[in-house]
Amino acid sequence: MKVADGQQAVHGTRASPGAERVDSARAEGVVGRGDRADKVSVAGNPILSLVAARAREGRALRLEQLAAQVESGGYRPDPGQIAARLLDEAEVTAQLRGMAGRG
């Protein structure tokens, strides 16, 4: 999709300049070119706005629970699971870079 003025087209309309935007490069772990990362807007879509708000609330709750576990000494990370996730992430990143021709 070609966007001439830097605003993202969404379902045939352009996102308003003040719309809430999510940095997809940060969300997906993909590095953009320079300071111009892809952006997605949920403004104007009440269902997507609700889903985004609930996701933020859920993340905040999980972080609070994790902090409580760490403080109480009950947090026991699984090194094998951490290593597997790191390798999975590296594989996805390598595939994305390969598709983008930046391998």
PDB file of N, CA and C in Angstrom:
ATOM      1  N   MET A   1       0.843  -1.158   0.000  1.00  0.00           N
ATOM      2  CA  MET A   1       0.000   0.000   0.000  1.00  0.00           C
ATOM      3  C   MET A   1       0.892   1.225   0.000  1.00  0.00           C
ATOM      4  N   LYS A   2       0.596   2.184  -0.826  1.00  0.00           N
ATOM      5  CA  LYS A   2       1.383   3.401  -0.907  1.00  0.00           C
ATOM      6  C   LYS A   2       0.675   4.511  -0.150  1.00  0.00           C
ATOM      7  N   VAL A   3       1.396   5.170   0.729  1.00  0.00           N
ATOM      8  CA  VAL A   3       0.854   6.268   1.507  1.00  0.00           C
ATOM      9  C   VAL A   3       1.769   7.453   1.279  1.00  0.00           C
ATOM     10  N   ALA A   4       1.230   8.499   0.653  1.00  0.00           N
ATOM     11  CA  ALA A   4       2.057   9.611   0.239  1.00  0.00           C
ATOM     12  C   ALA A   4       2.429  10.565   1.372  1.00  0.00           C
ATOM     13  N   ASP A   5       1.518  10.833   2.300  1.00  0.00           N
ATOM     14  CA  ASP A   5       1.783  11.863   3.295  1.00  0.00           C
ATOM     15  C   ASP A   5       2.140  11.325   4.678  1.00  0.00           C
ATOM     16  N   GLY A   6       2.461  10.051   4.783  1.00  0.00           N
ATOM     17  CA  GLY A   6       2.880   9.497   6.055  1.00  0.00           C
ATOM     18  C   GLY A   6       1.743   9.007   6.931  1.00  0.00           C
ATOM     19  N   GLN A   7       0.484   9.241   6.521  1.00  0.00           N
ATOM     20  CA  GLN A   7      -0.644   8.728   7.286  1.00  0.00           C
ATOM     21  C   GLN A   7      -1.028   7.374   6.732  1.00  0.00           C
ATOM     22  N   GLN A   8      -1.393   6.468   7.599  1.00  0.00           N
ATOM     23  CA  GLN A   8      -1.727   5.104   7.202  1.00  0.00           C
ATOM     24  C   GLN A   8      -3.168   5.053   6.708  1.00  0.00           C
ATOM     25  N   ALA A   9      -3.386   4.445   5.563  1.00  0.00           N
ATOM     26  CA  ALA A   9      -4.737   4.238   5.060  1.00  0.00           C
ATOM     27  C   ALA A   9      -5.328   3.023   5.752  1.00  0.00           C
ATOM     28  N   VAL A  10      -6.568   3.160   6.226  1.00  0.00           N
ATOM     29  CA  VAL A  10      -7.243   2.072   6.924  1.00  0.00           C
ATOM     30  C   VAL A  10      -8.614   1.882   6.287  1.00  0.00           C
ATOM     31  N   HIS A  11      -8.828   0.734   5.647  1.00  0.00           N
ATOM     32  CA  HIS A  11     -10.095   0.414   4.995  1.00  0.00           C
ATOM     33  C   HIS A  11     -10.595   1.566   4.124  1.00  0.00           C
ATOM     34  N   GLY A  12      -9.706   2.118   3.321  1.00  0.00           N
ATOM     35  CA  GLY A  12     -10.090   3.153   2.382  1.00  0.00           C
ATOM     36  C   GLY A  12     -10.141   4.548   2.977  1.00  0.00           C
ATOM     37  N   THR A  13      -9.874   4.704   4.274  1.00  0.00           N
ATOM     38  CA  THR A  13      -9.853   6.027   4.892  1.00  0.00           C
ATOM     39  C   THR A  13      -8.486   6.240   5.500  1.00  0.00           C
ATOM     40  N   ARG A  14      -8.145   7.483   5.714  1.00  0.00           N
ATOM     41  CA  ARG A  14      -6.860   7.787   6.333  1.00  0.00           C
ATOM     42  C   ARG A  14      -7.066   8.006   7.826  1.00  0.00           C
ATOM     43  N   ALA A  15      -6.093   7.549   8.599  1.00  0.00           N
ATOM     44  CA  ALA A  15      -6.147   7.759  10.043  1.00  0.00           C
ATOM     45  C   ALA A  15      -5.971   9.241  10.321  1.00  0.00           C
ATOM     46  N   SER A  16      -6.716   9.758  11.275  1.00  0.00           N
ATOM     47  CA  SER A  16      -6.586  11.172  11.602  1.00  0.00           C
ATOM     48  C   SER A  16      -5.250  11.403  12.302  1.00  0.00           C
ATOM     49  N   PRO A  17      -4.678  12.609  12.148  1.00  0.00           N
ATOM     50  CA  PRO A  17      -3.361  12.868  12.718  1.00  0.00           C
ATOM     51  C   PRO A  17      -3.301  12.661  14.223  1.00  0.00           C
ATOM     52  N   GLY A  18      -4.398  12.909  14.949  1.00  0.00           N
ATOM     53  CA  GLY A  18      -4.386  12.765  16.393  1.00  0.00           C
ATOM     54  C   GLY A  18      -4.830  11.398  16.873  1.00  0.00           C
ATOM     55  N   ALA A  19      -5.056  10.482  15.963  1.00  0.00           N
ATOM     56  CA  ALA A  19      -5.571   9.157  16.338  1.00  0.00           C
ATOM     57  C   ALA A  19      -4.538   8.382  17.134  1.00  0.00           C
ATOM     58  N   GLU A  20      -5.040   7.549  18.035  1.00  0.00           N
ATOM     59  CA  GLU A  20      -4.146   6.675  18.793  1.00  0.00           C
ATOM     60  C   GLU A  20      -3.517   5.695  17.824  1.00  0.00           C
ATOM     61  N   ARG A  21      -2.209   5.576  17.888  1.00  0.00           N
ATOM     62  CA  ARG A  21      -1.504   4.689  16.964  1.00  0.00           C
ATOM     63  C   ARG A  21      -0.653   3.708  17.727  1.00  0.00           C
ATOM     64  N   VAL A  22      -0.512   2.556  17.170  1.00  0.00           N
ATOM     65  CA  VAL A  22       0.319   1.517  17.763  1.00  0.00           C
ATOM     66  C   VAL A  22       1.517   1.321  16.859  1.00  0.00           C
ATOM     67  N   ASP A  23       2.680   1.377  17.421  1.00  0.00           N
ATOM     68  CA  ASP A  23       3.902   1.187  16.647  1.00  0.00           C
ATOM     69  C   ASP A  23       4.055  -0.304  16.382  1.00  0.00           C
ATOM     70  N   SER A  24       3.687  -0.737  15.166  1.00  0.00           N
ATOM     71  CA  SER A  24       3.717  -2.168  14.864  1.00  0.00           C
ATOM     72  C   SER A  24       5.131  -2.729  14.866  1.00  0.00           C
ATOM     73  N   ALA A  25       6.112  -1.898  14.583  1.00  0.00           N
ATOM     74  CA  ALA A  25       7.486  -2.389  14.624  1.00  0.00           C
ATOM     75  C   ALA A  25       7.849  -2.791  16.051  1.00  0.00           C
ATOM     76  N   ARG A  26       7.428  -1.981  17.020  1.00  0.00           N
ATOM     77  CA  ARG A  26       7.713  -2.320  18.410  1.00  0.00           C
ATOM     78  C   ARG A  26       6.865  -3.511  18.835  1.00  0.00           C
ATOM     79  N   ALA A  27       5.589  -3.532  18.428  1.00  0.00           N
ATOM     80  CA  ALA A  27       4.693  -4.612  18.823  1.00  0.00           C
ATOM     81  C   ALA A  27       5.135  -5.947  18.246  1.00  0.00           C
ATOM     82  N   GLU A  28       5.646  -5.943  17.035  1.00  0.00           N
ATOM     83  CA  GLU A  28       6.041  -7.177  16.373  1.00  0.00           C
ATOM     84  C   GLU A  28       7.529  -7.472  16.515  1.00  0.00           C
ATOM     85  N   GLY A  29       8.283  -6.543  17.080  1.00  0.00           N
ATOM     86  CA  GLY A  29       9.705  -6.772  17.240  1.00  0.00           C
ATOM     87  C   GLY A  29      10.483  -6.593  15.948  1.00  0.00           C
ATOM     88  N   VAL A  30       9.901  -5.916  14.974  1.00  0.00           N
ATOM     89  CA  VAL A  30      10.550  -5.696  13.695  1.00  0.00           C
ATOM     90  C   VAL A  30      11.091  -4.279  13.678  1.00  0.00           C
ATOM     91  N   VAL A  31      12.312  -4.127  13.266  1.00  0.00           N
ATOM     92  CA  VAL A  31      12.935  -2.812  13.225  1.00  0.00           C
ATOM     93  C   VAL A  31      12.554  -2.120  11.934  1.00  0.00           C
ATOM     94  N   GLY A  32      12.106  -0.878  12.050  1.00  0.00           N
ATOM     95  CA  GLY A  32      11.747  -0.092  10.869  1.00  0.00           C
ATOM     96  C   GLY A  32      12.976   0.504  10.232  1.00  0.00           C
ATOM     97  N   ARG A  33      12.804   1.152   9.127  1.00  0.00           N
ATOM     98  CA  ARG A  33      13.922   1.816   8.447  1.00  0.00           C
ATOM     99  C   ARG A  33      14.045   3.217   8.998  1.00  0.00           C
ATOM    100  N   GLY A  34      15.110   3.463   9.711  1.00  0.00           N
ATOM    101  CA  GLY A  34      15.314   4.775  10.313  1.00  0.00           C
ATOM    102  C   GLY A  34      14.258   5.050  11.356  1.00  0.00           C
ATOM    103  N   ASP A  35      13.679   6.253  11.300  1.00  0.00           N
ATOM    104  CA  ASP A  35      12.656   6.605  12.284  1.00  0.00           C
ATOM    105  C   ASP A  35      11.250   6.435  11.719  1.00  0.00           C
ATOM    106  N   ARG A  36      11.112   5.783  10.572  1.00  0.00           N
ATOM    107  CA  ARG A  36       9.813   5.643   9.924  1.00  0.00           C
ATOM    108  C   ARG A  36       9.323   4.205  10.047  1.00  0.00           C
ATOM    109  N   ALA A  37       8.685   3.892  11.156  1.00  0.00           N
ATOM    110  CA  ALA A  37       8.132   2.559  11.363  1.00  0.00           C
ATOM    111  C   ALA A  37       6.674   2.548  10.906  1.00  0.00           C
ATOM    112  N   ASP A  38       6.167   1.377  10.555  1.00  0.00           N
ATOM    113  CA  ASP A  38       4.767   1.240  10.193  1.00  0.00           C
ATOM    114  C   ASP A  38       3.910   1.518  11.411  1.00  0.00           C
ATOM    115  N   LYS A  39       2.723   2.101  11.183  1.00  0.00           N
ATOM    116  CA  LYS A  39       1.808   2.401  12.279  1.00  0.00           C
ATOM    117  C   LYS A  39       0.417   1.925  11.911  1.00  0.00           C
ATOM    118  N   VAL A  40      -0.327   1.544  12.925  1.00  0.00           N
ATOM    119  CA  VAL A  40      -1.694   1.073  12.759  1.00  0.00           C
ATOM    120  C   VAL A  40      -2.571   1.856  13.709  1.00  0.00           C
ATOM    121  N   SER A  41      -3.762   2.224  13.275  1.00  0.00           N
ATOM    122  CA  SER A  41      -4.681   2.972  14.117  1.00  0.00           C
ATOM    123  C   SER A  41      -5.931   2.148  14.396  1.00  0.00           C
ATOM    124  N   VAL A  42      -6.393   2.196  15.637  1.00  0.00           N
ATOM    125  CA  VAL A  42      -7.655   1.556  15.984  1.00  0.00           C
ATOM    126  C   VAL A  42      -8.744   2.611  16.176  1.00  0.00           C
ATOM    127  N   ALA A  43      -8.403   3.873  15.979  1.00  0.00           N
ATOM    128  CA  ALA A  43      -9.377   4.954  16.128  1.00  0.00           C
ATOM    129  C   ALA A  43     -10.489   4.780  15.102  1.00  0.00           C
ATOM    130  N   GLY A  44     -11.689   5.032  15.532  1.00  0.00           N
ATOM    131  CA  GLY A  44     -12.820   4.930  14.625  1.00  0.00           C
ATOM    132  C   GLY A  44     -13.435   3.547  14.572  1.00  0.00           C
ATOM    133  N   ASN A  45     -12.796   2.569  15.189  1.00  0.00           N
ATOM    134  CA  ASN A  45     -13.351   1.223  15.234  1.00  0.00           C
ATOM    135  C   ASN A  45     -13.556   0.865  16.704  1.00  0.00           C
ATOM    136  N   PRO A  46     -14.796   0.945  17.193  1.00  0.00           N
ATOM    137  CA  PRO A  46     -15.032   0.734  18.621  1.00  0.00           C
ATOM    138  C   PRO A  46     -14.649  -0.659  19.105  1.00  0.00           C
ATOM    139  N   ILE A  47     -14.789  -1.665  18.272  1.00  0.00           N
ATOM    140  CA  ILE A  47     -14.441  -3.026  18.686  1.00  0.00           C
ATOM    141  C   ILE A  47     -12.933  -3.145  18.880  1.00  0.00           C
ATOM    142  N   LEU A  48     -12.163  -2.637  17.907  1.00  0.00           N
ATOM    143  CA  LEU A  48     -10.705  -2.698  18.038  1.00  0.00           C
ATOM    144  C   LEU A  48     -10.216  -1.841  19.195  1.00  0.00           C
ATOM    145  N   SER A  49     -10.852  -0.694  19.417  1.00  0.00           N
ATOM    146  CA  SER A  49     -10.474   0.157  20.548  1.00  0.00           C
ATOM    147  C   SER A  49     -10.709  -0.561  21.867  1.00  0.00           C
ATOM    148  N   LEU A  50     -11.828  -1.270  21.975  1.00  0.00           N
ATOM    149  CA  LEU A  50     -12.142  -2.029  23.191  1.00  0.00           C
ATOM    150  C   LEU A  50     -11.138  -3.162  23.395  1.00  0.00           C
ATOM    151  N   VAL A  51     -10.824  -3.873  22.326  1.00  0.00           N
ATOM    152  CA  VAL A  51      -9.854  -4.970  22.416  1.00  0.00           C
ATOM    153  C   VAL A  51      -8.491  -4.431  22.854  1.00  0.00           C
ATOM    154  N   ALA A  52      -8.069  -3.309  22.289  1.00  0.00           N
ATOM    155  CA  ALA A  52      -6.781  -2.718  22.661  1.00  0.00           C
ATOM    156  C   ALA A  52      -6.778  -2.293  24.122  1.00  0.00           C
ATOM    157  N   ALA A  53      -7.879  -1.696  24.592  1.00  0.00           N
ATOM    158  CA  ALA A  53      -7.966  -1.268  25.988  1.00  0.00           C
ATOM    159  C   ALA A  53      -7.918  -2.469  26.927  1.00  0.00           C
ATOM    160  N   ARG A  54      -8.628  -3.526  26.582  1.00  0.00           N
ATOM    161  CA  ARG A  54      -8.621  -4.730  27.430  1.00  0.00           C
ATOM    162  C   ARG A  54      -7.241  -5.381  27.442  1.00  0.00           C
ATOM    163  N   ALA A  55      -6.558  -5.347  26.308  1.00  0.00           N
ATOM    164  CA  ALA A  55      -5.206  -5.925  26.249  1.00  0.00           C
ATOM    165  C   ALA A  55      -4.271  -5.155  27.167  1.00  0.00           C
ATOM    166  N   ARG A  56      -4.387  -3.822  27.175  1.00  0.00           N
ATOM    167  CA  ARG A  56      -3.551  -3.008  28.067  1.00  0.00           C
ATOM    168  C   ARG A  56      -3.855  -3.333  29.527  1.00  0.00           C
ATOM    169  N   GLU A  57      -5.149  -3.466  29.863  1.00  0.00           N
ATOM    170  CA  GLU A  57      -5.543  -3.791  31.238  1.00  0.00           C
ATOM    171  C   GLU A  57      -5.011  -5.167  31.638  1.00  0.00           C
ATOM    172  N   GLY A  58      -5.146  -6.137  30.741  1.00  0.00           N
ATOM    173  CA  GLY A  58      -4.666  -7.489  31.027  1.00  0.00           C
ATOM    174  C   GLY A  58      -3.173  -7.525  31.227  1.00  0.00           C
ATOM    175  N   ARG A  59      -2.449  -6.762  30.419  1.00  0.00           N
ATOM    176  CA  ARG A  59      -0.994  -6.716  30.552  1.00  0.00           C
ATOM    177  C   ARG A  59      -0.605  -6.105  31.883  1.00  0.00           C
ATOM    178  N   ALA A  60      -1.293  -5.017  32.274  1.00  0.00           N
ATOM    179  CA  ALA A  60      -0.992  -4.365  33.549  1.00  0.00           C
ATOM    180  C   ALA A  60      -1.233  -5.323  34.717  1.00  0.00           C
ATOM    181  N   LEU A  61      -2.324  -6.089  34.654  1.00  0.00           N
ATOM    182  CA  LEU A  61      -2.616  -7.058  35.709  1.00  0.00           C
ATOM    183  C   LEU A  61      -1.542  -8.144  35.774  1.00  0.00           C
ATOM    184  N   ARG A  62      -1.132  -8.654  34.607  1.00  0.00           N
ATOM    185  CA  ARG A  62      -0.079  -9.685  34.586  1.00  0.00           C
ATOM    186  C   ARG A  62       1.230  -9.148  35.156  1.00  0.00           C
ATOM    187  N   LEU A  63       1.556  -7.893  34.841  1.00  0.00           N
ATOM    188  CA  LEU A  63       2.792  -7.300  35.354  1.00  0.00           C
ATOM    189  C   LEU A  63       2.730  -7.135  36.874  1.00  0.00           C
ATOM    190  N   GLU A  64       1.560  -6.739  37.401  1.00  0.00           N
ATOM    191  CA  GLU A  64       1.395  -6.621  38.847  1.00  0.00           C
ATOM    192  C   GLU A  64       1.575  -7.982  39.525  1.00  0.00           C
ATOM    193  N   GLN A  65       0.973  -9.017  38.944  1.00  0.00           N
ATOM    194  CA  GLN A  65       1.096 -10.359  39.509  1.00  0.00           C
ATOM    195  C   GLN A  65       2.543 -10.842  39.472  1.00  0.00           C
ATOM    196  N   LEU A  66       3.212 -10.581  38.365  1.00  0.00           N
ATOM    197  CA  LEU A  66       4.616 -10.980  38.235  1.00  0.00           C
ATOM    198  C   LEU A  66       5.481 -10.245  39.255  1.00  0.00           C
ATOM    199  N   ALA A  67       5.239  -8.937  39.423  1.00  0.00           N
ATOM    200  CA  ALA A  67       6.008  -8.155  40.400  1.00  0.00           C
ATOM    201  C   ALA A  67       5.809  -8.708  41.806  1.00  0.00           C
ATOM    202  N   ALA A  68       4.588  -9.098  42.136  1.00  0.00           N
ATOM    203  CA  ALA A  68       4.308  -9.664  43.452  1.00  0.00           C
ATOM    204  C   ALA A  68       5.052 -10.988  43.641  1.00  0.00           C
ATOM    205  N   GLN A  69       5.087 -11.804  42.591  1.00  0.00           N
ATOM    206  CA  GLN A  69       5.819 -13.077  42.670  1.00  0.00           C
ATOM    207  C   GLN A  69       7.312 -12.843  42.864  1.00  0.00           C
ATOM    208  N   VAL A  70       7.872 -11.877  42.141  1.00  0.00           N
ATOM    209  CA  VAL A  70       9.304 -11.574  42.254  1.00  0.00           C
ATOM    210  C   VAL A  70       9.617 -11.088  43.659  1.00  0.00           C
ATOM    211  N   GLU A  71       8.783 -10.162  44.175  1.00  0.00           N
ATOM    212  CA  GLU A  71       9.026  -9.610  45.509  1.00  0.00           C
ATOM    213  C   GLU A  71       8.927 -10.671  46.596  1.00  0.00           C
ATOM    214  N   SER A  72       8.012 -11.633  46.426  1.00  0.00           N
ATOM    215  CA  SER A  72       7.831 -12.664  47.447  1.00  0.00           C
ATOM    216  C   SER A  72       8.834 -13.812  47.305  1.00  0.00           C
ATOM    217  N   GLY A  73       9.604 -13.809  46.229  1.00  0.00           N
ATOM    218  CA  GLY A  73      10.567 -14.878  46.001  1.00  0.00           C
ATOM    219  C   GLY A  73       9.954 -16.111  45.365  1.00  0.00           C
ATOM    220  N   GLY A  74       8.702 -16.004  44.939  1.00  0.00           N
ATOM    221  CA  GLY A  74       8.008 -17.147  44.360  1.00  0.00           C
ATOM    222  C   GLY A  74       8.155 -17.284  42.859  1.00  0.00           C
ATOM    223  N   TYR A  75       8.832 -16.346  42.229  1.00  0.00           N
ATOM    224  CA  TYR A  75       8.983 -16.396  40.771  1.00  0.00           C
ATOM    225  C   TYR A  75      10.138 -17.319  40.424  1.00  0.00           C
ATOM    226  N   ARG A  76       9.836 -18.363  39.684  1.00  0.00           N
ATOM    227  CA  ARG A  76      10.846 -19.337  39.269  1.00  0.00           C
ATOM    228  C   ARG A  76      10.776 -19.527  37.752  1.00  0.00           C
ATOM    229  N   PRO A  77      11.533 -18.707  37.010  1.00  0.00           N
ATOM    230  CA  PRO A  77      11.504 -18.840  35.551  1.00  0.00           C
ATOM    231  C   PRO A  77      12.112 -20.165  35.102  1.00  0.00           C
ATOM    232  N   ASP A  78      11.597 -20.688  34.005  1.00  0.00           N
ATOM    233  CA  ASP A  78      12.079 -21.945  33.429  1.00  0.00           C
ATOM    234  C   ASP A  78      13.112 -21.611  32.356  1.00  0.00           C
ATOM    235  N   PRO A  79      14.395 -21.875  32.606  1.00  0.00           N
ATOM    236  CA  PRO A  79      15.445 -21.534  31.641  1.00  0.00           C
ATOM    237  C   PRO A  79      15.221 -22.172  30.267  1.00  0.00           C
ATOM    238  N   GLY A  80      14.716 -23.397  30.241  1.00  0.00           N
ATOM    239  CA  GLY A  80      14.464 -24.057  28.963  1.00  0.00           C
ATOM    240  C   GLY A  80      13.393 -23.351  28.152  1.00  0.00           C
ATOM    241  N   GLN A  81      12.335 -22.909  28.831  1.00  0.00           N
ATOM    242  CA  GLN A  81      11.259 -22.185  28.150  1.00  0.00           C
ATOM    243  C   GLN A  81      11.754 -20.831  27.642  1.00  0.00           C
ATOM    244  N   ILE A  82      12.575 -20.156  28.434  1.00  0.00           N
ATOM    245  CA  ILE A  82      13.136 -18.872  28.016  1.00  0.00           C
ATOM    246  C   ILE A  82      14.000 -19.055  26.774  1.00  0.00           C
ATOM    247  N   ALA A  83      14.870 -20.073  26.791  1.00  0.00           N
ATOM    248  CA  ALA A  83      15.744 -20.333  25.635  1.00  0.00           C
ATOM    249  C   ALA A  83      14.926 -20.662  24.392  1.00  0.00           C
ATOM    250  N   ALA A  84      13.869 -21.467  24.546  1.00  0.00           N
ATOM    251  CA  ALA A  84      13.032 -21.831  23.395  1.00  0.00           C
ATOM    252  C   ALA A  84      12.354 -20.607  22.803  1.00  0.00           C
ATOM    253  N   ARG A  85      11.863 -19.729  23.661  1.00  0.00           N
ATOM    254  CA  ARG A  85      11.199 -18.509  23.153  1.00  0.00           C
ATOM    255  C   ARG A  85      12.189 -17.576  22.466  1.00  0.00           C
ATOM    256  N   LEU A  86      13.400 -17.462  23.015  1.00  0.00           N
ATOM    257  CA  LEU A  86      14.424 -16.628  22.378  1.00  0.00           C
ATOM    258  C   LEU A  86      14.761 -17.155  20.983  1.00  0.00           C
ATOM    259  N   LEU A  87      14.899 -18.470  20.877  1.00  0.00           N
ATOM    260  CA  LEU A  87      15.210 -19.070  19.578  1.00  0.00           C
ATOM    261  C   LEU A  87      14.049 -18.902  18.598  1.00  0.00           C
ATOM    262  N   ASP A  88      12.819 -19.066  19.075  1.00  0.00           N
ATOM    263  CA  ASP A  88      11.653 -18.863  18.218  1.00  0.00           C
ATOM    264  C   ASP A  88      11.614 -17.431  17.694  1.00  0.00           C
ATOM    265  N   GLU A  89      11.858 -16.470  18.580  1.00  0.00           N
ATOM    266  CA  GLU A  89      11.849 -15.058  18.195  1.00  0.00           C
ATOM    267  C   GLU A  89      12.943 -14.774  17.168  1.00  0.00           C
ATOM    268  N   ALA A  90      14.130 -15.336  17.383  1.00  0.00           N
ATOM    269  CA  ALA A  90      15.238 -15.133  16.446  1.00  0.00           C
ATOM    270  C   ALA A  90      14.901 -15.722  15.079  1.00  0.00           C
ATOM    271  N   GLU A  91      14.241 -16.868  15.080  1.00  0.00           N
ATOM    272  CA  GLU A  91      13.863 -17.497  13.815  1.00  0.00           C
ATOM    273  C   GLU A  91      12.848 -16.644  13.056  1.00  0.00           C
ATOM    274  N   VAL A  92      11.847 -16.128  13.752  1.00  0.00           N
ATOM    275  CA  VAL A  92      10.841 -15.281  13.113  1.00  0.00           C
ATOM    276  C   VAL A  92      11.489 -14.007  12.578  1.00  0.00           C
ATOM    277  N   THR A  93      12.363 -13.403  13.370  1.00  0.00           N
ATOM    278  CA  THR A  93      13.045 -12.181  12.937  1.00  0.00           C
ATOM    279  C   THR A  93      13.882 -12.446  11.685  1.00  0.00           C
ATOM    280  N   ALA A  94      14.592 -13.563  11.650  1.00  0.00           N
ATOM    281  CA  ALA A  94      15.407 -13.910  10.489  1.00  0.00           C
ATOM    282  C   ALA A  94      14.528 -14.130   9.256  1.00  0.00           C
ATOM    283  N   GLN A  95      13.381 -14.782   9.445  1.00  0.00           N
ATOM    284  CA  GLN A  95      12.466 -14.998   8.318  1.00  0.00           C
ATOM    285  C   GLN A  95      11.920 -13.688   7.794  1.00  0.00           C
ATOM    286  N   LEU A  96      11.522 -12.777   8.691  1.00  0.00           N
ATOM    287  CA  LEU A  96      11.003 -11.471   8.280  1.00  0.00           C
ATOM    288  C   LEU A  96      12.061 -10.656   7.539  1.00  0.00           C
ATOM    289  N   ARG A  97      13.267 -10.680   8.066  1.00  0.00           N
ATOM    290  CA  ARG A  97      14.358  -9.952   7.398  1.00  0.00           C
ATOM    291  C   ARG A  97      14.652 -10.544   6.033  1.00  0.00           C
ATOM    292  N   GLY A  98      14.580 -11.877   5.925  1.00  0.00           N
ATOM    293  CA  GLY A  98      14.786 -12.527   4.637  1.00  0.00           C
ATOM    294  C   GLY A  98      13.720 -12.137   3.627  1.00  0.00           C
ATOM    295  N   MET A  99      12.455 -12.058   4.088  1.00  0.00           N
ATOM    296  CA  MET A  99      11.364 -11.662   3.204  1.00  0.00           C
ATOM    297  C   MET A  99      11.500 -10.216   2.769  1.00  0.00           C
ATOM    298  N   ALA A 100      12.062  -9.372   3.668  1.00  0.00           N
ATOM    299  CA  ALA A 100      12.225  -7.958   3.355  1.00  0.00           C
ATOM    300  C   ALA A 100      13.489  -7.706   2.534  1.00  0.00           C
ATOM    301  N   GLY A 101      14.280  -8.744   2.308  1.00  0.00           N
ATOM    302  CA  GLY A 101      15.497  -8.584   1.526  1.00  0.00           C
ATOM    303  C   GLY A 101      16.631  -7.946   2.298  1.00  0.00           C
ATOM    304  N   ARG A 102      16.515  -7.957   3.644  1.00  0.00           N
ATOM    305  CA  ARG A 102      17.558  -7.366   4.474  1.00  0.00           C
ATOM    306  C   ARG A 102      18.286  -8.441   5.262  1.00  0.00           C
ATOM    307  N   GLY A 103      18.375  -9.634   4.711  1.00  0.00           N
ATOM    308  CA  GLY A 103      18.943 -10.772   5.410  1.00  0.00           C
ATOM    309  C   GLY A 103      20.350 -10.649   5.742  1.00  0.00           C
TER     310      GLY A 103
END
